[in-house]
Structure formats: structure tokens, C-alpha cells
């Protein structure tokens, strides 16, 4: 189907994550009747995600985390690929490309954290679980910070593309909110206020799903350029500006030497010279 494109990746990832969280939460409330798991503290009444994920629903938790991270990483990769091919606003500076690379690197760190924390559950491997939880939170937070920085630079140079500003502010709000919640989670957990920390963990996880969905905003515009492909960096920008007529570099005036007739000893000759048109990217 013509309208299916890379934007499907964040939708699959976000829906999988949201479904996993709802499945765990509803199971604990409805089916398990708020059971007190062995991994919970003595005075704790609200289960962490990891407490429910370490129970009989561990296969669901592991599968949900793996599918979520696979398709989220595909979303990061698709964003980089589409900008390289000129089907989205291209990265035209070294700084933007470095930020894009850092975004993908820390997304992979977050992927390792989320995948491993689901396997090394809090009941049997509490220490490893906490380490991978830290990798998950820090990895995706840093990834979000770098992609915000990248989009801020892109949006400053391509002001006609509102989607860049919209995506930037969505991700910026995510970074600020999640950072504050993560700090509160660490503080309450350190003070052994486990019920409050558990609530914060569920909230952080649900907000993360909306961050995943935000990549739909980034990748959907590529539907309009799916038939345009470039290979070299020069073709990349030509493709982008050709498919986005509202935005374009300023072209220097085409110059062509005028035809002159030189007369020497009664003989005349015409020497037209044509200078190739250049683009100022």
C-alpha cells in the first residue's frame, strides 16, 4: 500500500510498549487482585513494573521490551537514512551528523538496558536489574537530548518546516518531564518510599510511550518523497530541495560569458564560454 512507510516503526513500537504496560498493570489489579510479590518490600502495597514482570507474566514483559526496542531503533535508523537520502530535511553540517550519531548510540545503550532488565528480573537478579534500569533511563534520556539538539539546529536553518519545531518541542517536553520524574523516582526509592516510587515508575513508563509515538511526526513526511532517491551528498540535497519547493538555497546568478568577436588581421572568431551552474548549499 502506497501510504505505508517508515512511520509504521514508531507506531508498532509505541503500541507494543503501551500494550505491555497495560497488560502488566491490569493483570496485577484485576487478575492477581493486587497480590504482594516476593520481590516487594514488606510495607510496599503498590507493585513496580519489574515486580509484575518477574512473575508469571515475565514472557510478556521480555517479548514486549524486545519488540519495543527493535522497532524504536528502526525508527532512529530510518530517520538517519531518510535524511541522508534527502527524503527528509537533510543533515548538512558535521555537527548535525555527530548529534545524529550520538542519538543512535545512546538509543542502543537504552535498548541494551531495557532488554536486559526484562531478562534479569528484580526477584532473581536485583543488582543487575538496577544497573540495566539505570542504563535504560540514562540511555534514552541522553538520546532524547541529542535529538532535540539536532532538531533545534535543523529547525533554525529550515524555518518553513513546522514539523521540525513541533517534534523539537514534543521531545523537549519529554526530556524535561522525564528528567524531573526520574530524579523524584531515585529520591523516593532511596528513601524507601516504595509506593510513591512505584507510582512514579509507572508514570515514567507510560510517558515514554508518547515519546516513541513522536517519531511518527518525524517520519511521516517521507511518504511524499518515497519515489525520490539520491546516492551522493550532492544528489541528496538536490532531491530534498526538488521535493520541497518552498525551501531552497539561494542560487548565485547563472553566469555565461558573452560571445565576443575578436578581430585579428581582418579575421573574426567567436569564442563562447559557458560556466556551469553552481548551487550554494
Protein backbone atom coordinates (compact mmCIF):
# COMPACT_ATOMS: atom_id res chain seq x y z
CA UNK A 1 0.00 0.00 0.00
CA UNK A 2 1.42 3.34 -1.11
CA UNK A 3 0.93 5.17 2.17
CA UNK A 4 2.81 2.61 4.26
CA UNK A 5 6.29 3.82 5.01
CA UNK A 6 8.89 4.11 7.75
CA UNK A 7 6.36 5.85 10.02
CA UNK A 8 4.97 2.41 10.86
CA UNK A 9 8.05 1.65 13.01
CA UNK A 10 7.29 4.08 15.89
CA UNK A 11 3.62 3.10 15.84
CA UNK A 12 4.45 -0.60 16.26
CA UNK A 13 7.00 0.23 18.96
CA UNK A 14 4.69 2.58 20.87
CA UNK A 15 1.67 0.29 20.68
CA UNK A 16 3.74 -2.69 21.79
CA UNK A 17 5.10 -0.79 24.79
CA UNK A 18 1.68 0.58 25.72
CA UNK A 19 0.09 -2.86 25.40
CA UNK A 20 2.79 -4.44 27.54
CA UNK A 21 2.35 -1.88 30.31
CA UNK A 22 -1.44 -2.14 30.27
CA UNK A 23 -1.26 -5.93 30.24
CA UNK A 24 1.02 -5.99 33.30
CA UNK A 25 -0.94 -3.34 35.20
CA UNK A 26 -4.39 -4.79 34.51
CA UNK A 27 -3.20 -8.30 35.32
CA UNK A 28 -1.89 -7.18 38.70
CA UNK A 29 -5.07 -5.20 39.54
CA UNK A 30 -7.78 -7.41 38.04
CA UNK A 31 -6.47 -10.97 37.88
CA UNK A 32 -3.89 -11.02 40.68
CA UNK A 33 -6.01 -8.78 42.96
CA UNK A 34 -3.03 -6.60 43.89
CA UNK A 35 -1.00 -9.54 45.12
CA UNK A 36 2.10 -8.87 47.22
CA UNK A 37 5.05 -10.31 45.30
CA UNK A 38 8.15 -11.77 46.91
CA UNK A 39 10.28 -9.04 45.32
CA UNK A 40 8.28 -6.28 47.02
CA UNK A 41 9.18 -4.64 50.31
CA UNK A 42 7.38 -5.68 53.48
CA UNK A 43 5.37 -2.46 53.76
CA UNK A 44 5.03 -1.99 49.98
CA UNK A 45 1.48 -2.18 48.60
CA UNK A 46 1.96 -0.98 45.00
CA UNK A 47 3.99 -3.20 42.68
CA UNK A 48 6.74 -1.92 40.47
CA UNK A 49 6.59 -2.79 36.78
CA UNK A 50 9.53 -5.09 37.44
CA UNK A 51 7.67 -6.87 40.26
CA UNK A 52 4.84 -7.82 37.92
CA UNK A 53 7.30 -8.54 35.10
CA UNK A 54 9.18 -11.01 37.30
CA UNK A 55 6.04 -13.08 37.89
CA UNK A 56 4.24 -15.47 35.56
CA UNK A 57 3.95 -12.64 33.01
CA UNK A 58 7.71 -12.50 32.51
CA UNK A 59 7.43 -13.86 28.91
CA UNK A 60 5.08 -10.98 28.07
CA UNK A 61 7.43 -8.46 29.67
CA UNK A 62 10.52 -9.76 27.86
CA UNK A 63 8.76 -10.03 24.50
CA UNK A 64 7.21 -6.58 24.83
CA UNK A 65 10.56 -4.96 25.71
CA UNK A 66 12.39 -6.66 22.83
CA UNK A 67 9.80 -5.73 20.19
CA UNK A 68 9.56 -2.17 21.53
CA UNK A 69 13.32 -1.61 21.33
CA UNK A 70 13.72 -3.25 17.91
CA UNK A 71 11.15 -1.02 16.25
CA UNK A 72 12.27 2.07 18.16
CA UNK A 73 15.84 1.54 16.97
CA UNK A 74 14.49 1.04 13.45
CA UNK A 75 12.80 4.44 13.83
CA UNK A 76 16.12 6.07 14.77
CA UNK A 77 17.86 4.34 11.87
CA UNK A 78 15.10 5.29 9.42
CA UNK A 79 15.34 8.93 10.46
CA UNK A 80 19.08 8.95 9.78
CA UNK A 81 18.70 7.07 6.48
CA UNK A 82 15.93 9.32 5.17
CA UNK A 83 17.89 12.46 5.98
CA UNK A 84 20.95 11.00 4.27
CA UNK A 85 18.91 10.28 1.13
CA UNK A 86 17.30 13.69 1.15
CA UNK A 87 13.77 12.41 1.73
CA UNK A 88 13.62 14.36 4.99
CA UNK A 89 15.33 17.64 5.85
CA UNK A 90 18.99 16.62 5.40
CA UNK A 91 21.81 16.97 7.89
CA UNK A 92 24.07 19.40 6.07
CA UNK A 93 26.70 20.07 8.73
CA UNK A 94 29.17 17.88 10.57
CA UNK A 95 27.68 18.94 13.90
CA UNK A 96 24.21 17.71 12.92
CA UNK A 97 25.62 14.38 11.77
CA UNK A 98 27.57 13.97 15.02
CA UNK A 99 24.42 14.69 17.03
CA UNK A 100 22.51 12.15 14.95
CA UNK A 101 25.21 9.55 15.62
CA UNK A 102 25.15 10.25 19.37
CA UNK A 103 21.37 9.94 19.33
CA UNK A 104 21.57 6.47 17.81
CA UNK A 105 24.45 5.39 20.08
CA UNK A 106 22.64 6.26 23.32
CA UNK A 107 19.42 4.77 21.95
CA UNK A 108 21.33 1.49 21.61
CA UNK A 109 22.54 1.90 25.22
CA UNK A 110 18.90 2.32 26.28
CA UNK A 111 17.97 -0.70 24.19
CA UNK A 112 20.54 -2.88 25.97
CA UNK A 113 19.27 -1.61 29.31
CA UNK A 114 15.57 -2.26 28.64
CA UNK A 115 16.14 -5.65 27.03
CA UNK A 116 18.45 -6.90 29.78
CA UNK A 117 16.41 -5.56 32.70
CA UNK A 118 13.43 -7.58 31.48
CA UNK A 119 15.50 -10.76 31.40
CA UNK A 120 17.45 -10.15 34.60
CA UNK A 121 14.37 -9.68 36.75
CA UNK A 122 14.28 -7.92 40.08
CA UNK A 123 13.45 -11.11 42.00
CA UNK A 124 16.43 -13.25 40.96
CA UNK A 125 18.98 -10.63 39.86
CA UNK A 126 18.18 -7.44 41.83
CA UNK A 127 21.60 -5.83 41.44
CA UNK A 128 21.92 -6.46 37.71
CA UNK A 129 18.32 -5.38 37.24
CA UNK A 130 19.02 -1.99 38.86
CA UNK A 131 22.13 -1.49 36.70
CA UNK A 132 20.20 -2.17 33.50
CA UNK A 133 17.35 0.05 34.68
CA UNK A 134 19.86 2.88 35.04
CA UNK A 135 21.21 2.20 31.54
CA UNK A 136 17.67 2.27 30.14
CA UNK A 137 16.76 5.61 31.72
CA UNK A 138 20.08 7.38 31.12
CA UNK A 139 20.49 5.98 27.60
CA UNK A 140 17.14 7.13 26.27
CA UNK A 141 17.27 10.44 28.12
CA UNK A 142 20.64 11.31 26.58
CA UNK A 143 19.39 10.10 23.20
CA UNK A 144 16.39 12.42 23.51
CA UNK A 145 18.63 15.35 24.50
CA UNK A 146 20.86 14.88 21.46
CA UNK A 147 17.97 14.52 19.03
CA UNK A 148 16.43 17.70 20.48
CA UNK A 149 19.72 19.47 19.86
CA UNK A 150 19.85 18.12 16.31
CA UNK A 151 16.27 19.21 15.54
CA UNK A 152 16.89 22.63 17.04
CA UNK A 153 19.77 23.15 14.60
CA UNK A 154 17.75 21.80 11.67
CA UNK A 155 14.73 23.94 12.54
CA UNK A 156 16.82 27.09 12.79
CA UNK A 157 18.04 26.64 9.20
CA UNK A 158 14.71 25.35 7.81
CA UNK A 159 12.11 27.60 9.36
CA UNK A 160 9.49 26.74 6.76
CA UNK A 161 9.33 23.18 8.10
CA UNK A 162 6.97 23.42 11.06
CA UNK A 163 7.24 19.68 11.68
CA UNK A 164 10.80 20.19 12.96
CA UNK A 165 9.66 22.71 15.55
CA UNK A 166 6.69 20.57 16.58
CA UNK A 167 8.86 17.49 17.01
CA UNK A 168 11.52 19.50 18.84
CA UNK A 169 9.05 20.81 21.42
CA UNK A 170 7.44 17.40 21.90
CA UNK A 171 10.81 15.84 22.63
CA UNK A 172 11.93 18.78 24.74
CA UNK A 173 8.84 18.45 26.94
CA UNK A 174 9.56 14.72 27.22
CA UNK A 175 13.15 15.37 28.33
CA UNK A 176 12.18 17.93 30.97
CA UNK A 177 9.25 15.95 32.39
CA UNK A 178 11.03 12.60 32.38
CA UNK A 179 14.17 14.07 33.92
CA UNK A 180 12.21 15.57 36.80
CA UNK A 181 10.25 12.37 37.32
CA UNK A 182 13.41 10.27 37.16
CA UNK A 183 15.03 12.41 39.86
CA UNK A 184 11.92 12.08 42.02
CA UNK A 185 11.90 8.31 41.41
CA UNK A 186 15.52 7.91 42.51
CA UNK A 187 14.99 10.07 45.62
CA UNK A 188 11.84 8.27 46.76
CA UNK A 189 13.35 4.88 46.05
CA UNK A 190 16.50 5.78 48.00
CA UNK A 191 14.34 6.88 50.94
CA UNK A 192 12.50 3.54 50.75
CA UNK A 193 9.20 5.22 49.96
CA UNK A 194 8.45 2.34 47.63
CA UNK A 195 4.78 3.02 46.93
CA UNK A 196 5.47 6.55 45.69
CA UNK A 197 8.46 5.31 43.71
CA UNK A 198 6.32 2.58 42.11
CA UNK A 199 3.70 5.12 41.02
CA UNK A 200 6.41 7.32 39.55
CA UNK A 201 7.87 4.34 37.66
CA UNK A 202 4.52 3.55 36.04
CA UNK A 203 4.05 7.22 35.08
CA UNK A 204 7.55 7.45 33.59
CA UNK A 205 6.93 4.30 31.56
CA UNK A 206 3.60 5.50 30.16
CA UNK A 207 5.06 8.89 29.21
CA UNK A 208 7.86 7.08 27.39
CA UNK A 209 5.27 5.59 25.01
CA UNK A 210 4.28 9.09 23.85
CA UNK A 211 7.93 9.88 23.17
CA UNK A 212 8.06 6.80 20.94
CA UNK A 213 4.91 7.91 19.11
CA UNK A 214 6.51 11.32 18.44
CA UNK A 215 8.71 9.72 15.78
CA UNK A 216 5.60 9.28 13.66
CA UNK A 217 5.66 13.08 13.27
CA UNK A 218 9.27 12.89 12.06
CA UNK A 219 8.93 10.01 9.61
CA UNK A 220 5.51 10.57 8.06
CA UNK A 221 6.67 13.39 5.70
CA UNK A 222 8.85 10.81 3.90
CA UNK A 223 5.67 9.42 2.30
CA UNK A 224 5.66 12.42 -0.03
CA UNK A 225 9.23 11.73 -1.20
CA UNK A 226 9.20 7.94 -1.43
CA UNK A 227 9.83 7.97 -5.20
CA UNK A 228 12.86 10.23 -4.93
CA UNK A 229 16.19 8.66 -4.06
CA UNK A 230 19.69 10.07 -4.07
CA UNK A 231 23.03 8.41 -3.57
CA UNK A 232 25.66 11.10 -3.26
CA UNK A 233 25.60 14.00 -0.84
CA UNK A 234 25.10 16.36 -3.80
CA UNK A 235 22.13 14.34 -5.06
CA UNK A 236 20.82 14.15 -1.50
CA UNK A 237 20.34 17.88 -1.22
CA UNK A 238 19.16 18.23 -4.81
CA UNK A 239 16.46 15.64 -4.06
CA UNK A 240 15.42 17.42 -0.91
CA UNK A 241 15.16 20.87 -2.43
CA UNK A 242 13.44 19.49 -5.54
CA UNK A 243 10.69 17.89 -3.44
CA UNK A 244 10.35 20.86 -1.07
CA UNK A 245 9.94 23.87 -3.38
CA UNK A 246 9.11 26.18 -0.50
CA UNK A 247 12.61 25.83 0.88
CA UNK A 248 15.78 26.16 -1.08
CA UNK A 249 19.26 27.51 -1.04
CA UNK A 250 19.92 30.86 -2.56
CA UNK A 251 21.34 30.38 -6.03
CA UNK A 252 24.07 32.58 -7.35
CA UNK A 253 23.19 34.17 -10.66
CA UNK A 254 23.90 31.98 -13.63
CA UNK A 255 26.91 33.40 -15.40
CA UNK A 256 27.73 32.96 -19.02
CA UNK A 257 30.47 34.82 -20.76
CA UNK A 258 29.06 36.88 -23.58
CA UNK A 259 30.02 35.90 -27.08
CA UNK A 260 32.77 38.09 -28.23
CA UNK A 261 34.16 38.59 -31.68
CA UNK A 262 37.85 39.12 -31.81
CA UNK A 263 39.27 40.60 -34.93
CA UNK A 264 42.87 39.95 -35.72
CA UNK A 265 44.38 40.78 -39.08
CA UNK A 266 40.91 41.00 -40.65
CA UNK A 267 39.75 37.61 -39.33
CA UNK A 268 37.00 37.20 -36.76
CA UNK A 269 36.24 34.28 -34.42
CA UNK A 270 33.55 33.66 -31.81
CA UNK A 271 34.55 32.05 -28.54
CA UNK A 272 31.50 31.28 -26.38
CA UNK A 273 32.28 30.11 -22.88
CA UNK A 274 29.72 28.61 -20.55
CA UNK A 275 30.36 28.37 -16.84
CA UNK A 276 28.44 25.55 -15.17
CA UNK A 277 25.62 26.50 -12.83
CA UNK A 278 26.56 26.02 -9.18
CA UNK A 279 24.42 25.58 -6.11
CA UNK A 280 25.24 27.22 -2.86
CA UNK A 281 24.31 24.56 -0.33
